[in-house]
Amino acid sequence: MTSAVPRFFVLASCLLAMVLLAGCATVQPWQRGRLADPEMMFDPDASNTAYMTHWQEAREGAAGGFGVQSGGCGCK
């Protein structure tokens, strides 16, 4: 019965190592384009975002405060 306890810890350690190392992978630079998901982009249409930012600044009479952490007064 005493040999079952160390065997359990070895088995549990191996399983834990397999789970932790399962997500590790080496990705080559030419493979990243295939793995990149367009839906994960912060700004898929930069021109539309620039237009909407300009429109919002003109409407509210304040610059800044869009995309970065800052106040509506334009200071950063």
PDB file of N, CA and C in Angstrom:
ATOM      1  N   MET A   1       0.820  -1.191   0.000  1.00  0.00           N
ATOM      2  CA  MET A   1       0.000   0.000   0.000  1.00  0.00           C
ATOM      3  C   MET A   1       0.865   1.256   0.000  1.00  0.00           C
ATOM      4  N   THR A   2       2.066   1.186   0.526  1.00  0.00           N
ATOM      5  CA  THR A   2       2.909   2.377   0.576  1.00  0.00           C
ATOM      6  C   THR A   2       3.469   2.734  -0.798  1.00  0.00           C
ATOM      7  N   SER A   3       3.547   1.770  -1.720  1.00  0.00           N
ATOM      8  CA  SER A   3       4.068   2.077  -3.049  1.00  0.00           C
ATOM      9  C   SER A   3       3.037   2.794  -3.901  1.00  0.00           C
ATOM     10  N   ALA A   4       1.773   2.763  -3.504  1.00  0.00           N
ATOM     11  CA  ALA A   4       0.727   3.430  -4.276  1.00  0.00           C
ATOM     12  C   ALA A   4       0.774   4.942  -4.097  1.00  0.00           C
ATOM     13  N   VAL A   5       1.203   5.419  -2.949  1.00  0.00           N
ATOM     14  CA  VAL A   5       1.239   6.860  -2.691  1.00  0.00           C
ATOM     15  C   VAL A   5       2.290   7.548  -3.567  1.00  0.00           C
ATOM     16  N   PRO A   6       3.556   7.083  -3.613  1.00  0.00           N
ATOM     17  CA  PRO A   6       4.517   7.748  -4.501  1.00  0.00           C
ATOM     18  C   PRO A   6       4.124   7.603  -5.972  1.00  0.00           C
ATOM     19  N   ARG A   7       3.542   6.477  -6.336  1.00  0.00           N
ATOM     20  CA  ARG A   7       3.106   6.287  -7.713  1.00  0.00           C
ATOM     21  C   ARG A   7       2.007   7.284  -8.071  1.00  0.00           C
ATOM     22  N   PHE A   8       1.124   7.565  -7.115  1.00  0.00           N
ATOM     23  CA  PHE A   8       0.072   8.545  -7.343  1.00  0.00           C
ATOM     24  C   PHE A   8       0.664   9.940  -7.573  1.00  0.00           C
ATOM     25  N   PHE A   9       1.657  10.327  -6.775  1.00  0.00           N
ATOM     26  CA  PHE A   9       2.275  11.642  -6.926  1.00  0.00           C
ATOM     27  C   PHE A   9       3.036  11.756  -8.251  1.00  0.00           C
ATOM     28  N   VAL A  10       3.668  10.691  -8.672  1.00  0.00           N
ATOM     29  CA  VAL A  10       4.370  10.699  -9.956  1.00  0.00           C
ATOM     30  C   VAL A  10       3.363  10.834 -11.089  1.00  0.00           C
ATOM     31  N   LEU A  11       2.284  10.082 -11.007  1.00  0.00           N
ATOM     32  CA  LEU A  11       1.247  10.149 -12.031  1.00  0.00           C
ATOM     33  C   LEU A  11       0.588  11.529 -12.054  1.00  0.00           C
ATOM     34  N   ALA A  12       0.285  12.062 -10.882  1.00  0.00           N
ATOM     35  CA  ALA A  12      -0.334  13.391 -10.810  1.00  0.00           C
ATOM     36  C   ALA A  12       0.619  14.459 -11.338  1.00  0.00           C
ATOM     37  N   SER A  13       1.905  14.341 -11.052  1.00  0.00           N
ATOM     38  CA  SER A  13       2.885  15.301 -11.552  1.00  0.00           C
ATOM     39  C   SER A  13       3.009  15.226 -13.064  1.00  0.00           C
ATOM     40  N   CYS A  14       3.003  14.033 -13.604  1.00  0.00           N
ATOM     41  CA  CYS A  14       3.084  13.866 -15.056  1.00  0.00           C
ATOM     42  C   CYS A  14       1.845  14.437 -15.739  1.00  0.00           C
ATOM     43  N   LEU A  15       0.683  14.182 -15.178  1.00  0.00           N
ATOM     44  CA  LEU A  15      -0.553  14.727 -15.749  1.00  0.00           C
ATOM     45  C   LEU A  15      -0.580  16.255 -15.677  1.00  0.00           C
ATOM     46  N   LEU A  16      -0.124  16.803 -14.578  1.00  0.00           N
ATOM     47  CA  LEU A  16      -0.074  18.246 -14.440  1.00  0.00           C
ATOM     48  C   LEU A  16       0.893  18.859 -15.446  1.00  0.00           C
ATOM     49  N   ALA A  17       2.038  18.239 -15.623  1.00  0.00           N
ATOM     50  CA  ALA A  17       3.014  18.730 -16.602  1.00  0.00           C
ATOM     51  C   ALA A  17       2.458  18.650 -18.020  1.00  0.00           C
ATOM     52  N   MET A  18       1.743  17.582 -18.332  1.00  0.00           N
ATOM     53  CA  MET A  18       1.153  17.444 -19.669  1.00  0.00           C
ATOM     54  C   MET A  18       0.103  18.519 -19.914  1.00  0.00           C
ATOM     55  N   VAL A  19      -0.694  18.824 -18.910  1.00  0.00           N
ATOM     56  CA  VAL A  19      -1.728  19.844 -19.063  1.00  0.00           C
ATOM     57  C   VAL A  19      -1.096  21.222 -19.223  1.00  0.00           C
ATOM     58  N   LEU A  20      -0.078  21.526 -18.444  1.00  0.00           N
ATOM     59  CA  LEU A  20       0.550  22.837 -18.512  1.00  0.00           C
ATOM     60  C   LEU A  20       1.341  23.040 -19.802  1.00  0.00           C
ATOM     61  N   LEU A  21       1.932  21.994 -20.329  1.00  0.00           N
ATOM     62  CA  LEU A  21       2.746  22.115 -21.530  1.00  0.00           C
ATOM     63  C   LEU A  21       1.965  21.886 -22.815  1.00  0.00           C
ATOM     64  N   ALA A  22       0.689  21.589 -22.720  1.00  0.00           N
ATOM     65  CA  ALA A  22      -0.103  21.300 -23.912  1.00  0.00           C
ATOM     66  C   ALA A  22      -0.307  22.538 -24.772  1.00  0.00           C
ATOM     67  N   GLY A  23      -0.303  23.737 -24.182  1.00  0.00           N
ATOM     68  CA  GLY A  23      -0.528  24.954 -24.939  1.00  0.00           C
ATOM     69  C   GLY A  23       0.733  25.553 -25.513  1.00  0.00           C
ATOM     70  N   CYS A  24       1.879  24.983 -25.253  1.00  0.00           N
ATOM     71  CA  CYS A  24       3.129  25.534 -25.749  1.00  0.00           C
ATOM     72  C   CYS A  24       3.370  25.062 -27.178  1.00  0.00           C
ATOM     73  N   ALA A  25       3.618  26.009 -28.056  1.00  0.00           N
ATOM     74  CA  ALA A  25       3.901  25.679 -29.449  1.00  0.00           C
ATOM     75  C   ALA A  25       4.805  26.753 -30.033  1.00  0.00           C
ATOM     76  N   THR A  26       5.645  26.354 -30.941  1.00  0.00           N
ATOM     77  CA  THR A  26       6.499  27.295 -31.642  1.00  0.00           C
ATOM     78  C   THR A  26       5.836  27.617 -32.973  1.00  0.00           C
ATOM     79  N   VAL A  27       5.608  28.906 -33.201  1.00  0.00           N
ATOM     80  CA  VAL A  27       4.963  29.344 -34.430  1.00  0.00           C
ATOM     81  C   VAL A  27       5.982  30.142 -35.233  1.00  0.00           C
ATOM     82  N   GLN A  28       6.171  29.751 -36.466  1.00  0.00           N
ATOM     83  CA  GLN A  28       7.102  30.449 -37.348  1.00  0.00           C
ATOM     84  C   GLN A  28       6.449  31.730 -37.865  1.00  0.00           C
ATOM     85  N   PRO A  29       7.258  32.737 -38.221  1.00  0.00           N
ATOM     86  CA  PRO A  29       6.678  34.003 -38.688  1.00  0.00           C
ATOM     87  C   PRO A  29       5.749  33.851 -39.894  1.00  0.00           C
ATOM     88  N   TRP A  30       6.041  32.944 -40.797  1.00  0.00           N
ATOM     89  CA  TRP A  30       5.183  32.788 -41.972  1.00  0.00           C
ATOM     90  C   TRP A  30       3.888  32.038 -41.658  1.00  0.00           C
ATOM     91  N   GLN A  31       3.787  31.440 -40.477  1.00  0.00           N
ATOM     92  CA  GLN A  31       2.570  30.753 -40.076  1.00  0.00           C
ATOM     93  C   GLN A  31       1.618  31.658 -39.300  1.00  0.00           C
ATOM     94  N   ARG A  32       2.080  32.808 -38.849  1.00  0.00           N
ATOM     95  CA  ARG A  32       1.256  33.674 -38.010  1.00  0.00           C
ATOM     96  C   ARG A  32       0.094  34.278 -38.775  1.00  0.00           C
ATOM     97  N   GLY A  33       0.278  34.544 -40.058  1.00  0.00           N
ATOM     98  CA  GLY A  33      -0.814  35.089 -40.853  1.00  0.00           C
ATOM     99  C   GLY A  33      -1.989  34.136 -40.953  1.00  0.00           C
ATOM    100  N   ARG A  34      -1.704  32.874 -40.999  1.00  0.00           N
ATOM    101  CA  ARG A  34      -2.768  31.874 -41.077  1.00  0.00           C
ATOM    102  C   ARG A  34      -3.483  31.725 -39.736  1.00  0.00           C
ATOM    103  N   LEU A  35      -2.746  31.944 -38.632  1.00  0.00           N
ATOM    104  CA  LEU A  35      -3.336  31.800 -37.307  1.00  0.00           C
ATOM    105  C   LEU A  35      -4.052  33.063 -36.840  1.00  0.00           C
ATOM    106  N   ALA A  36      -3.761  34.200 -37.453  1.00  0.00           N
ATOM    107  CA  ALA A  36      -4.375  35.454 -37.026  1.00  0.00           C
ATOM    108  C   ALA A  36      -5.851  35.467 -37.429  1.00  0.00           C
ATOM    109  N   ASP A  37      -6.690  35.850 -36.506  1.00  0.00           N
ATOM    110  CA  ASP A  37      -8.125  35.911 -36.746  1.00  0.00           C
ATOM    111  C   ASP A  37      -8.517  37.372 -36.975  1.00  0.00           C
ATOM    112  N   PRO A  38      -9.101  37.710 -38.106  1.00  0.00           N
ATOM    113  CA  PRO A  38      -9.472  39.101 -38.363  1.00  0.00           C
ATOM    114  C   PRO A  38     -10.448  39.676 -37.334  1.00  0.00           C
ATOM    115  N   GLU A  39     -11.231  38.835 -36.704  1.00  0.00           N
ATOM    116  CA  GLU A  39     -12.178  39.323 -35.713  1.00  0.00           C
ATOM    117  C   GLU A  39     -11.507  39.779 -34.432  1.00  0.00           C
ATOM    118  N   MET A  40     -10.243  39.434 -34.237  1.00  0.00           N
ATOM    119  CA  MET A  40      -9.530  39.816 -33.030  1.00  0.00           C
ATOM    120  C   MET A  40      -8.834  41.173 -33.158  1.00  0.00           C
ATOM    121  N   MET A  41      -8.957  41.803 -34.309  1.00  0.00           N
ATOM    122  CA  MET A  41      -8.317  43.103 -34.511  1.00  0.00           C
ATOM    123  C   MET A  41      -9.062  44.168 -33.724  1.00  0.00           C
ATOM    124  N   PHE A  42      -8.310  45.091 -33.124  1.00  0.00           N
ATOM    125  CA  PHE A  42      -8.926  46.184 -32.387  1.00  0.00           C
ATOM    126  C   PHE A  42      -9.625  47.147 -33.346  1.00  0.00           C
ATOM    127  N   ASP A  43      -9.017  47.378 -34.497  1.00  0.00           N
ATOM    128  CA  ASP A  43      -9.514  48.388 -35.417  1.00  0.00           C
ATOM    129  C   ASP A  43      -9.482  47.845 -36.841  1.00  0.00           C
ATOM    130  N   PRO A  44     -10.510  47.118 -37.261  1.00  0.00           N
ATOM    131  CA  PRO A  44     -10.469  46.538 -38.598  1.00  0.00           C
ATOM    132  C   PRO A  44     -10.588  47.579 -39.707  1.00  0.00           C
ATOM    133  N   ASP A  45     -11.247  48.712 -39.442  1.00  0.00           N
ATOM    134  CA  ASP A  45     -11.411  49.749 -40.450  1.00  0.00           C
ATOM    135  C   ASP A  45     -10.904  51.065 -39.873  1.00  0.00           C
ATOM    136  N   ALA A  46      -9.625  51.356 -40.091  1.00  0.00           N
ATOM    137  CA  ALA A  46      -8.997  52.525 -39.481  1.00  0.00           C
ATOM    138  C   ALA A  46      -9.584  53.830 -40.005  1.00  0.00           C
ATOM    139  N   SER A  47      -9.953  53.878 -41.282  1.00  0.00           N
ATOM    140  CA  SER A  47     -10.489  55.127 -41.821  1.00  0.00           C
ATOM    141  C   SER A  47     -11.854  55.446 -41.212  1.00  0.00           C
ATOM    142  N   ASN A  48     -12.673  54.445 -40.998  1.00  0.00           N
ATOM    143  CA  ASN A  48     -13.973  54.664 -40.374  1.00  0.00           C
ATOM    144  C   ASN A  48     -13.802  55.109 -38.927  1.00  0.00           C
ATOM    145  N   THR A  49     -12.868  54.536 -38.215  1.00  0.00           N
ATOM    146  CA  THR A  49     -12.627  54.928 -36.830  1.00  0.00           C
ATOM    147  C   THR A  49     -12.111  56.358 -36.755  1.00  0.00           C
ATOM    148  N   ALA A  50     -11.214  56.737 -37.675  1.00  0.00           N
ATOM    149  CA  ALA A  50     -10.713  58.112 -37.696  1.00  0.00           C
ATOM    150  C   ALA A  50     -11.849  59.095 -37.982  1.00  0.00           C
ATOM    151  N   TYR A  51     -12.725  58.752 -38.906  1.00  0.00           N
ATOM    152  CA  TYR A  51     -13.869  59.611 -39.215  1.00  0.00           C
ATOM    153  C   TYR A  51     -14.787  59.745 -38.006  1.00  0.00           C
ATOM    154  N   MET A  52     -15.101  58.633 -37.357  1.00  0.00           N
ATOM    155  CA  MET A  52     -15.997  58.684 -36.200  1.00  0.00           C
ATOM    156  C   MET A  52     -15.363  59.451 -35.036  1.00  0.00           C
ATOM    157  N   THR A  53     -14.066  59.331 -34.874  1.00  0.00           N
ATOM    158  CA  THR A  53     -13.377  60.089 -33.823  1.00  0.00           C
ATOM    159  C   THR A  53     -13.454  61.575 -34.120  1.00  0.00           C
ATOM    160  N   HIS A  54     -13.195  61.960 -35.368  1.00  0.00           N
ATOM    161  CA  HIS A  54     -13.276  63.365 -35.756  1.00  0.00           C
ATOM    162  C   HIS A  54     -14.697  63.890 -35.574  1.00  0.00           C
ATOM    163  N   TRP A  55     -15.692  63.112 -35.953  1.00  0.00           N
ATOM    164  CA  TRP A  55     -17.083  63.504 -35.814  1.00  0.00           C
ATOM    165  C   TRP A  55     -17.451  63.698 -34.342  1.00  0.00           C
ATOM    166  N   GLN A  56     -16.994  62.788 -33.490  1.00  0.00           N
ATOM    167  CA  GLN A  56     -17.312  62.878 -32.066  1.00  0.00           C
ATOM    168  C   GLN A  56     -16.631  64.083 -31.440  1.00  0.00           C
ATOM    169  N   GLU A  57     -15.377  64.349 -31.811  1.00  0.00           N
ATOM    170  CA  GLU A  57     -14.678  65.509 -31.270  1.00  0.00           C
ATOM    171  C   GLU A  57     -15.362  66.803 -31.693  1.00  0.00           C
ATOM    172  N   ALA A  58     -15.804  66.880 -32.945  1.00  0.00           N
ATOM    173  CA  ALA A  58     -16.483  68.086 -33.416  1.00  0.00           C
ATOM    174  C   ALA A  58     -17.844  68.241 -32.741  1.00  0.00           C
ATOM    175  N   ARG A  59     -18.520  67.151 -32.498  1.00  0.00           N
ATOM    176  CA  ARG A  59     -19.849  67.204 -31.892  1.00  0.00           C
ATOM    177  C   ARG A  59     -19.777  67.613 -30.428  1.00  0.00           C
ATOM    178  N   GLU A  60     -18.798  67.059 -29.696  1.00  0.00           N
ATOM    179  CA  GLU A  60     -18.714  67.322 -28.270  1.00  0.00           C
ATOM    180  C   GLU A  60     -17.857  68.536 -27.945  1.00  0.00           C
ATOM    181  N   GLY A  61     -17.114  69.035 -28.908  1.00  0.00           N
ATOM    182  CA  GLY A  61     -16.272  70.200 -28.658  1.00  0.00           C
ATOM    183  C   GLY A  61     -15.065  69.887 -27.802  1.00  0.00           C
ATOM    184  N   ALA A  62     -14.634  68.641 -27.799  1.00  0.00           N
ATOM    185  CA  ALA A  62     -13.468  68.238 -27.017  1.00  0.00           C
ATOM    186  C   ALA A  62     -12.626  67.295 -27.852  1.00  0.00           C
ATOM    187  N   ALA A  63     -11.342  67.330 -27.630  1.00  0.00           N
ATOM    188  CA  ALA A  63     -10.434  66.443 -28.355  1.00  0.00           C
ATOM    189  C   ALA A  63      -9.842  65.450 -27.377  1.00  0.00           C
ATOM    190  N   GLY A  64      -9.554  64.268 -27.875  1.00  0.00           N
ATOM    191  CA  GLY A  64      -8.948  63.246 -27.020  1.00  0.00           C
ATOM    192  C   GLY A  64      -9.993  62.423 -26.304  1.00  0.00           C
ATOM    193  N   GLY A  65      -9.529  61.536 -25.484  1.00  0.00           N
ATOM    194  CA  GLY A  65     -10.432  60.695 -24.725  1.00  0.00           C
ATOM    195  C   GLY A  65     -10.942  59.500 -25.497  1.00  0.00           C
ATOM    196  N   PHE A  66     -10.415  59.277 -26.689  1.00  0.00           N
ATOM    197  CA  PHE A  66     -10.865  58.139 -27.485  1.00  0.00           C
ATOM    198  C   PHE A  66      -9.679  57.220 -27.732  1.00  0.00           C
ATOM    199  N   GLY A  67      -9.777  55.992 -27.322  1.00  0.00           N
ATOM    200  CA  GLY A  67      -8.733  55.014 -27.589  1.00  0.00           C
ATOM    201  C   GLY A  67      -7.638  54.949 -26.554  1.00  0.00           C
ATOM    202  N   VAL A  68      -7.467  55.987 -25.787  1.00  0.00           N
ATOM    203  CA  VAL A  68      -6.473  55.972 -24.722  1.00  0.00           C
ATOM    204  C   VAL A  68      -7.146  56.441 -23.450  1.00  0.00           C
ATOM    205  N   GLN A  69      -6.513  56.200 -22.335  1.00  0.00           N
ATOM    206  CA  GLN A  69      -7.075  56.636 -21.072  1.00  0.00           C
ATOM    207  C   GLN A  69      -6.686  58.091 -20.848  1.00  0.00           C
ATOM    208  N   SER A  70      -7.630  58.967 -21.036  1.00  0.00           N
ATOM    209  CA  SER A  70      -7.401  60.384 -20.811  1.00  0.00           C
ATOM    210  C   SER A  70      -8.741  61.048 -20.579  1.00  0.00           C
ATOM    211  N   GLY A  71      -8.688  62.300 -20.250  1.00  0.00           N
ATOM    212  CA  GLY A  71      -9.912  63.046 -20.011  1.00  0.00           C
ATOM    213  C   GLY A  71     -10.496  63.575 -21.310  1.00  0.00           C
ATOM    214  N   GLY A  72     -11.678  64.113 -21.248  1.00  0.00           N
ATOM    215  CA  GLY A  72     -12.316  64.687 -22.428  1.00  0.00           C
ATOM    216  C   GLY A  72     -11.788  66.065 -22.775  1.00  0.00           C
ATOM    217  N   CYS A  73     -10.901  66.602 -21.936  1.00  0.00           N
ATOM    218  CA  CYS A  73     -10.387  67.952 -22.187  1.00  0.00           C
ATOM    219  C   CYS A  73      -9.262  67.957 -23.215  1.00  0.00           C
ATOM    220  N   GLY A  74      -8.809  66.823 -23.655  1.00  0.00           N
ATOM    221  CA  GLY A  74      -7.721  66.757 -24.629  1.00  0.00           C
ATOM    222  C   GLY A  74      -6.373  66.537 -24.000  1.00  0.00           C
ATOM    223  N   CYS A  75      -6.282  66.597 -22.685  1.00  0.00           N
ATOM    224  CA  CYS A  75      -4.996  66.352 -22.013  1.00  0.00           C
ATOM    225  C   CYS A  75      -4.779  64.869 -21.855  1.00  0.00           C
ATOM    226  N   LYS A  76      -3.533  64.466 -21.862  1.00  0.00           N
ATOM    227  CA  LYS A  76      -3.235  63.038 -21.737  1.00  0.00           C
ATOM    228  C   LYS A  76      -2.366  62.775 -20.545  1.00  0.00           C
TER     229      LYS A  76
END
